[in-house]
Amino acid sequence: MAIQFQRNYQLLELDNNADWKTANKNYRRLVHTWHPDRFEQRPRERIHAQQQFIELTKAFNNLRGFYRENNRLPFEKIQHAKTAPSSPPIEKRVMPSDELVLESGILNKRKPSTSFLKSDLFHRVLWALPIIAALVVGMAVFVITDRNAKMNTIEEAKRVLRSDL
């Protein structure tokens, strides 16, 4: 892994003490230098520039990934955290009672309750309710209109039969 980072440093022309700003600045400068569009009229040099451009981008992406995970570059010195602020004197400290500690859950062995309202199933059901309601209302309207249409047809048939007799 360190060999890969050494290669990335070499490609980006970084020394081992380089910080993120330097890496970013060098990457931008080198990408500008090796951008394939600058070699449009020279095909052989353009191919070399494309390869160089791709390698620079891969190297920068490797270092950027490391930087995002560790908030520093691989060979950058690790800065130790500053000393923690001193705690207040004993007479000014507030100590919770045992009941409060137990009630707050610090020493409580119970598993946290998973409420149905927070569950994924609840959200799926809640999302489906308007759709189900719309389907039910649509079916009710259809049934009522169909029934009315049948009743009108039956009444019309009765009227026709009476008029024939």
Protein backbone atom coordinates (compact mmCIF):
# COMPACT_ATOMS: atom_id res chain seq x y z
CA MET A 1 0.00 0.00 0.00
CA ALA A 2 2.83 2.40 0.88
CA ILE A 3 4.45 1.68 -2.49
CA GLN A 4 1.27 2.76 -4.24
CA PHE A 5 1.18 6.00 -2.25
CA GLN A 6 4.85 6.62 -3.03
CA ARG A 7 4.03 6.29 -6.73
CA ASN A 8 1.10 8.70 -6.28
CA TYR A 9 3.41 11.18 -4.57
CA GLN A 10 5.93 10.87 -7.41
CA LEU A 11 3.30 11.40 -10.08
CA LEU A 12 1.95 14.48 -8.32
CA GLU A 13 5.49 15.74 -7.60
CA LEU A 14 4.92 15.85 -3.83
CA ASP A 15 7.45 15.53 -1.07
CA ASN A 16 6.67 13.51 2.06
CA ASN A 17 5.82 16.62 4.07
CA ALA A 18 3.16 17.77 1.60
CA ASP A 19 -0.26 18.69 2.89
CA TRP A 20 -3.64 18.54 1.15
CA LYS A 21 -3.43 22.08 -0.24
CA THR A 22 -0.11 21.31 -1.90
CA ALA A 23 -1.42 18.06 -3.35
CA ASN A 24 -4.48 19.82 -4.74
CA LYS A 25 -2.39 22.66 -6.18
CA ASN A 26 0.10 20.27 -7.82
CA TYR A 27 -2.70 18.15 -9.25
CA ARG A 28 -4.37 21.17 -10.85
CA ARG A 29 -1.09 22.42 -12.25
CA LEU A 30 -0.11 19.02 -13.71
CA VAL A 31 -3.57 18.34 -15.13
CA HIS A 32 -3.44 21.70 -16.86
CA THR A 33 -0.01 20.83 -18.23
CA TRP A 34 -0.96 17.33 -19.43
CA HIS A 35 -4.52 17.93 -20.57
CA PRO A 36 -5.00 16.10 -23.92
CA ASP A 37 -6.79 19.08 -25.49
CA ARG A 38 -3.51 21.01 -25.42
CA PHE A 39 -2.01 18.43 -27.82
CA GLU A 40 -4.82 18.36 -30.33
CA GLN A 41 -2.56 18.99 -33.34
CA ARG A 42 0.08 16.43 -32.26
CA PRO A 43 -1.45 12.91 -32.15
CA ARG A 44 1.55 11.06 -30.68
CA GLU A 45 1.99 13.55 -27.90
CA ARG A 46 -1.78 13.56 -27.33
CA ILE A 47 -1.76 9.81 -26.60
CA HIS A 48 1.06 10.25 -24.10
CA ALA A 49 -0.76 13.21 -22.54
CA GLN A 50 -3.95 11.15 -22.19
CA GLN A 51 -2.08 8.38 -20.40
CA GLN A 52 -0.37 10.88 -18.13
CA PHE A 53 -3.69 12.64 -17.45
CA ILE A 54 -5.35 9.35 -16.49
CA GLU A 55 -2.49 8.36 -14.18
CA LEU A 56 -2.53 11.78 -12.50
CA THR A 57 -6.26 11.55 -11.93
CA LYS A 58 -6.01 8.02 -10.47
CA ALA A 59 -3.17 9.09 -8.17
CA PHE A 60 -5.10 12.14 -7.00
CA ASN A 61 -8.26 10.06 -6.41
CA ASN A 62 -6.25 7.58 -4.30
CA LEU A 63 -4.84 10.36 -2.18
CA ARG A 64 -8.23 12.07 -1.95
CA GLY A 65 -9.82 8.84 -0.71
CA PHE A 66 -7.14 8.47 1.94
CA TYR A 67 -7.52 12.14 2.89
CA ARG A 68 -11.29 11.81 3.28
CA GLU A 69 -10.93 8.77 5.54
CA ASN A 70 -8.03 10.03 7.68
CA ASN A 71 -8.14 13.82 7.28
CA ARG A 72 -4.49 13.79 6.25
CA LEU A 73 -2.28 12.50 3.43
CA PRO A 74 -0.49 9.13 3.83
CA PHE A 75 2.99 10.48 4.62
CA GLU A 76 1.83 13.64 6.35
CA LYS A 77 2.77 13.77 10.02
CA ILE A 78 -0.03 12.90 12.41
CA GLN A 79 -0.84 15.85 14.56
CA HIS A 80 -1.74 14.81 18.05
CA ALA A 81 -4.85 16.22 19.64
CA LYS A 82 -4.35 19.08 22.01
CA THR A 83 -4.67 18.29 25.67
CA ALA A 84 -8.22 17.96 26.86
CA PRO A 85 -9.56 20.89 28.82
CA SER A 86 -9.01 20.44 32.49
CA SER A 87 -11.98 19.21 34.49
CA PRO A 88 -13.58 21.50 37.06
CA PRO A 89 -12.48 21.24 40.66
CA ILE A 90 -14.09 18.47 42.70
CA GLU A 91 -16.23 20.88 44.72
CA LYS A 92 -17.85 22.22 41.49
CA ARG A 93 -18.50 18.85 39.87
CA VAL A 94 -22.07 17.65 39.61
CA MET A 95 -22.46 13.96 40.29
CA PRO A 96 -25.72 12.33 39.24
CA SER A 97 -27.47 10.09 41.69
CA ASP A 98 -27.54 6.35 41.08
CA GLU A 99 -31.24 6.48 40.20
CA LEU A 100 -30.65 9.09 37.50
CA VAL A 101 -27.80 7.08 36.02
CA LEU A 102 -29.91 3.92 35.93
CA GLU A 103 -32.89 5.75 34.51
CA SER A 104 -30.87 7.43 31.79
CA GLY A 105 -29.92 4.05 30.43
CA ILE A 106 -26.18 4.25 30.98
CA LEU A 107 -26.21 1.17 33.20
CA ASN A 108 -29.49 -0.16 31.91
CA LYS A 109 -29.10 -3.54 30.21
CA ARG A 110 -32.39 -3.36 28.31
CA LYS A 111 -32.23 -3.17 24.57
CA PRO A 112 -33.60 0.04 23.16
CA SER A 113 -37.19 -0.39 22.09
CA THR A 114 -37.85 -0.21 18.39
CA SER A 115 -41.12 1.53 17.97
CA PHE A 116 -43.46 0.37 15.21
CA LEU A 117 -43.81 4.02 14.17
CA LYS A 118 -40.09 4.16 13.37
CA SER A 119 -39.96 0.85 11.52
CA ASP A 120 -39.50 0.50 7.79
CA LEU A 121 -42.67 -1.61 7.55
CA PHE A 122 -44.72 1.24 9.01
CA HIS A 123 -43.40 3.66 6.39
CA ARG A 124 -44.22 1.22 3.58
CA VAL A 125 -47.75 0.74 4.91
CA LEU A 126 -48.17 4.46 5.45
CA TRP A 127 -47.05 5.14 1.89
CA ALA A 128 -49.50 2.55 0.54
CA LEU A 129 -52.55 3.88 2.45
CA PRO A 130 -53.40 6.73 0.02
CA ILE A 131 -53.12 4.34 -2.91
CA ILE A 132 -55.38 1.78 -1.24
CA ALA A 133 -57.86 4.52 -0.30
CA ALA A 134 -57.94 5.80 -3.89
CA LEU A 135 -58.56 2.26 -5.19
CA VAL A 136 -61.40 1.67 -2.71
CA VAL A 137 -63.05 5.00 -3.57
CA GLY A 138 -62.66 4.27 -7.29
CA MET A 139 -64.21 0.82 -6.93
CA ALA A 140 -67.11 2.25 -4.87
CA VAL A 141 -67.82 4.88 -7.52
CA PHE A 142 -67.68 2.21 -10.23
CA VAL A 143 -70.04 -0.14 -8.35
CA ILE A 144 -72.54 2.63 -7.61
CA THR A 145 -72.56 3.89 -11.21
CA ASP A 146 -72.81 0.36 -12.57
CA ARG A 147 -75.72 -0.42 -10.23
CA ASN A 148 -77.49 2.80 -11.24
CA ALA A 149 -76.96 1.99 -14.90
CA LYS A 150 -78.40 -1.52 -14.40
CA MET A 151 -81.40 -0.12 -12.50
CA ASN A 152 -82.02 2.38 -15.31
CA THR A 153 -81.83 -0.44 -17.86
CA ILE A 154 -84.28 -2.57 -15.85
CA GLU A 155 -86.70 0.37 -15.48
CA GLU A 156 -86.47 1.05 -19.21
CA ALA A 157 -87.13 -2.63 -19.97
CA LYS A 158 -90.20 -2.61 -17.67
CA ARG A 159 -91.49 0.52 -19.38
CA VAL A 160 -91.04 -1.06 -22.81
CA LEU A 161 -92.85 -4.25 -21.71
CA ARG A 162 -95.79 -2.27 -20.27
CA SER A 163 -96.12 -0.23 -23.42
CA ASP A 164 -96.25 -3.37 -25.57
CA LEU A 165 -99.09 -4.96 -23.64
